[in-house]
Amino acid sequence: MNEQSDLSMKNDEVLRVELEVFRHEHRDLDDAIRALTERGTADQLTLQRLKKRKLRLKDRIAQIEDRLTPDIIA
């Protein structure tokens, strides 16, 4: 099942909870990337994987926000 159909099967309350979880995880990844970069202890592959995960979360957050925000007909 793809992410888009997965979103359509969930109610708004479930999506709001997921949204908060994903936002929290996104902030945690940001902190981890910053810490590893500042210490200089991470290899490039690890940083690249963390950044990729962060981007996927950002996309997922945007999808959920779009689903929760009603369309405005102008």
N, C-alpha and C. Protein backbone atom coordinates (compact mmCIF):
# COMPACT_ATOMS: atom_id res chain seq x y z
N MET A 1 0.85 -1.18 0.00
CA MET A 1 0.00 0.00 0.00
C MET A 1 0.90 1.24 0.00
N ASN A 2 0.59 2.20 -0.85
CA ASN A 2 1.43 3.39 -0.90
C ASN A 2 1.00 4.39 0.16
N GLU A 3 1.84 5.42 0.36
CA GLU A 3 1.60 6.39 1.42
C GLU A 3 0.31 7.18 1.20
N GLN A 4 0.00 7.52 -0.05
CA GLN A 4 -1.17 8.32 -0.34
C GLN A 4 -2.45 7.59 0.04
N SER A 5 -2.57 6.32 -0.34
CA SER A 5 -3.78 5.57 0.02
C SER A 5 -3.80 5.29 1.52
N ASP A 6 -2.64 5.15 2.12
CA ASP A 6 -2.54 4.96 3.55
C ASP A 6 -3.13 6.17 4.29
N LEU A 7 -2.84 7.37 3.79
CA LEU A 7 -3.37 8.59 4.40
C LEU A 7 -4.88 8.66 4.29
N SER A 8 -5.43 8.26 3.16
CA SER A 8 -6.86 8.39 2.95
C SER A 8 -7.66 7.43 3.82
N MET A 9 -7.04 6.41 4.35
CA MET A 9 -7.74 5.43 5.17
C MET A 9 -7.72 5.79 6.66
N LYS A 10 -6.99 6.83 7.03
CA LYS A 10 -6.86 7.20 8.44
C LYS A 10 -7.74 8.40 8.74
N ASN A 11 -8.29 8.43 9.96
CA ASN A 11 -9.09 9.59 10.33
C ASN A 11 -8.19 10.74 10.78
N ASP A 12 -8.77 11.92 10.91
CA ASP A 12 -7.99 13.12 11.21
C ASP A 12 -7.27 13.04 12.54
N GLU A 13 -7.88 12.44 13.53
CA GLU A 13 -7.25 12.36 14.85
C GLU A 13 -5.98 11.51 14.79
N VAL A 14 -6.03 10.41 14.09
CA VAL A 14 -4.85 9.55 13.92
C VAL A 14 -3.76 10.32 13.17
N LEU A 15 -4.15 11.05 12.15
CA LEU A 15 -3.19 11.83 11.39
C LEU A 15 -2.53 12.92 12.23
N ARG A 16 -3.31 13.55 13.10
CA ARG A 16 -2.73 14.58 13.98
C ARG A 16 -1.69 13.99 14.93
N VAL A 17 -1.99 12.81 15.45
CA VAL A 17 -1.04 12.15 16.35
C VAL A 17 0.23 11.78 15.58
N GLU A 18 0.06 11.21 14.39
CA GLU A 18 1.22 10.86 13.57
C GLU A 18 2.03 12.10 13.22
N LEU A 19 1.34 13.19 12.93
CA LEU A 19 2.01 14.44 12.58
C LEU A 19 2.93 14.89 13.71
N GLU A 20 2.44 14.84 14.93
CA GLU A 20 3.26 15.24 16.08
C GLU A 20 4.45 14.30 16.27
N VAL A 21 4.22 13.02 16.09
CA VAL A 21 5.31 12.04 16.20
C VAL A 21 6.38 12.30 15.15
N PHE A 22 5.95 12.53 13.91
CA PHE A 22 6.90 12.79 12.82
C PHE A 22 7.64 14.10 13.03
N ARG A 23 6.95 15.13 13.52
CA ARG A 23 7.63 16.41 13.80
C ARG A 23 8.69 16.24 14.88
N HIS A 24 8.35 15.47 15.91
CA HIS A 24 9.30 15.23 16.99
C HIS A 24 10.53 14.46 16.47
N GLU A 25 10.27 13.44 15.67
CA GLU A 25 11.37 12.66 15.10
C GLU A 25 12.23 13.52 14.18
N HIS A 26 11.61 14.43 13.43
CA HIS A 26 12.32 15.33 12.53
C HIS A 26 13.26 16.24 13.35
N ARG A 27 12.75 16.78 14.47
CA ARG A 27 13.59 17.62 15.34
C ARG A 27 14.73 16.81 15.93
N ASP A 28 14.45 15.59 16.36
CA ASP A 28 15.50 14.73 16.92
C ASP A 28 16.60 14.45 15.90
N LEU A 29 16.20 14.17 14.65
CA LEU A 29 17.19 13.94 13.61
C LEU A 29 18.02 15.19 13.36
N ASP A 30 17.38 16.34 13.37
CA ASP A 30 18.09 17.60 13.19
C ASP A 30 19.14 17.78 14.29
N ASP A 31 18.76 17.51 15.53
CA ASP A 31 19.69 17.60 16.65
C ASP A 31 20.83 16.61 16.51
N ALA A 32 20.52 15.39 16.10
CA ALA A 32 21.55 14.37 15.94
C ALA A 32 22.54 14.74 14.84
N ILE A 33 22.02 15.24 13.73
CA ILE A 33 22.90 15.65 12.62
C ILE A 33 23.80 16.78 13.07
N ARG A 34 23.24 17.76 13.76
CA ARG A 34 24.02 18.89 14.24
C ARG A 34 25.12 18.43 15.21
N ALA A 35 24.75 17.55 16.14
CA ALA A 35 25.71 17.07 17.13
C ALA A 35 26.85 16.29 16.47
N LEU A 36 26.51 15.42 15.54
CA LEU A 36 27.54 14.63 14.86
C LEU A 36 28.45 15.52 14.02
N THR A 37 27.88 16.53 13.41
CA THR A 37 28.67 17.45 12.60
C THR A 37 29.61 18.28 13.47
N GLU A 38 29.11 18.78 14.57
CA GLU A 38 29.92 19.61 15.47
C GLU A 38 31.08 18.82 16.08
N ARG A 39 30.81 17.58 16.44
CA ARG A 39 31.86 16.74 17.03
C ARG A 39 32.81 16.17 15.99
N GLY A 40 32.33 16.11 14.76
CA GLY A 40 33.17 15.55 13.71
C GLY A 40 33.37 14.05 13.83
N THR A 41 32.45 13.38 14.49
CA THR A 41 32.61 11.94 14.73
C THR A 41 31.87 11.07 13.72
N ALA A 42 31.02 11.67 12.91
CA ALA A 42 30.20 10.87 11.99
C ALA A 42 30.87 10.75 10.63
N ASP A 43 30.71 9.59 10.04
CA ASP A 43 31.19 9.43 8.67
C ASP A 43 30.13 9.99 7.73
N GLN A 44 30.52 10.24 6.50
CA GLN A 44 29.63 10.85 5.52
C GLN A 44 28.41 9.99 5.23
N LEU A 45 28.59 8.68 5.21
CA LEU A 45 27.47 7.78 4.92
C LEU A 45 26.39 7.89 6.00
N THR A 46 26.80 7.94 7.25
CA THR A 46 25.84 8.07 8.34
C THR A 46 25.09 9.40 8.24
N LEU A 47 25.82 10.47 8.01
CA LEU A 47 25.18 11.78 7.87
C LEU A 47 24.21 11.79 6.70
N GLN A 48 24.62 11.20 5.60
CA GLN A 48 23.78 11.16 4.41
C GLN A 48 22.48 10.39 4.69
N ARG A 49 22.58 9.28 5.39
CA ARG A 49 21.39 8.49 5.72
C ARG A 49 20.45 9.25 6.66
N LEU A 50 21.02 9.94 7.64
CA LEU A 50 20.20 10.72 8.56
C LEU A 50 19.49 11.86 7.83
N LYS A 51 20.21 12.53 6.95
CA LYS A 51 19.62 13.63 6.19
C LYS A 51 18.52 13.14 5.25
N LYS A 52 18.74 11.97 4.66
CA LYS A 52 17.74 11.39 3.77
C LYS A 52 16.47 11.03 4.56
N ARG A 53 16.65 10.46 5.73
CA ARG A 53 15.52 10.12 6.60
C ARG A 53 14.76 11.39 6.98
N LYS A 54 15.51 12.44 7.28
CA LYS A 54 14.91 13.72 7.66
C LYS A 54 14.07 14.28 6.50
N LEU A 55 14.57 14.19 5.28
CA LEU A 55 13.82 14.66 4.11
C LEU A 55 12.55 13.85 3.88
N ARG A 56 12.64 12.53 4.08
CA ARG A 56 11.44 11.69 3.94
C ARG A 56 10.38 12.08 4.97
N LEU A 57 10.84 12.36 6.19
CA LEU A 57 9.91 12.80 7.23
C LEU A 57 9.28 14.14 6.87
N LYS A 58 10.09 15.04 6.33
CA LYS A 58 9.57 16.35 5.93
C LYS A 58 8.47 16.19 4.87
N ASP A 59 8.71 15.32 3.91
CA ASP A 59 7.71 15.06 2.87
C ASP A 59 6.44 14.45 3.47
N ARG A 60 6.61 13.52 4.39
CA ARG A 60 5.46 12.87 5.03
C ARG A 60 4.66 13.89 5.85
N ILE A 61 5.37 14.77 6.55
CA ILE A 61 4.72 15.83 7.33
C ILE A 61 3.90 16.72 6.41
N ALA A 62 4.47 17.10 5.28
CA ALA A 62 3.77 17.95 4.31
C ALA A 62 2.52 17.25 3.78
N GLN A 63 2.60 15.96 3.51
CA GLN A 63 1.44 15.20 3.02
C GLN A 63 0.32 15.20 4.05
N ILE A 64 0.67 14.98 5.30
CA ILE A 64 -0.34 14.94 6.36
C ILE A 64 -0.95 16.32 6.55
N GLU A 65 -0.12 17.35 6.55
CA GLU A 65 -0.64 18.71 6.70
C GLU A 65 -1.60 19.06 5.56
N ASP A 66 -1.26 18.65 4.35
CA ASP A 66 -2.14 18.88 3.21
C ASP A 66 -3.47 18.15 3.38
N ARG A 67 -3.40 16.95 3.90
CA ARG A 67 -4.63 16.16 4.12
C ARG A 67 -5.51 16.78 5.18
N LEU A 68 -4.88 17.36 6.22
CA LEU A 68 -5.64 17.93 7.33
C LEU A 68 -6.15 19.34 7.04
N THR A 69 -5.52 20.04 6.11
CA THR A 69 -5.92 21.40 5.78
C THR A 69 -7.01 21.35 4.72
N PRO A 70 -8.16 21.92 5.02
CA PRO A 70 -9.25 21.89 4.03
C PRO A 70 -8.92 22.74 2.82
N ASP A 71 -9.40 22.29 1.65
CA ASP A 71 -9.23 23.06 0.43
C ASP A 71 -10.10 24.30 0.49
N ILE A 72 -9.53 25.41 0.06
CA ILE A 72 -10.27 26.67 0.02
C ILE A 72 -10.55 26.99 -1.44
N ILE A 73 -11.81 27.08 -1.77
CA ILE A 73 -12.18 27.39 -3.14
C ILE A 73 -12.27 28.91 -3.27
N ALA A 74 -11.43 29.46 -4.14
CA ALA A 74 -11.39 30.92 -4.30
C ALA A 74 -12.30 31.37 -5.41
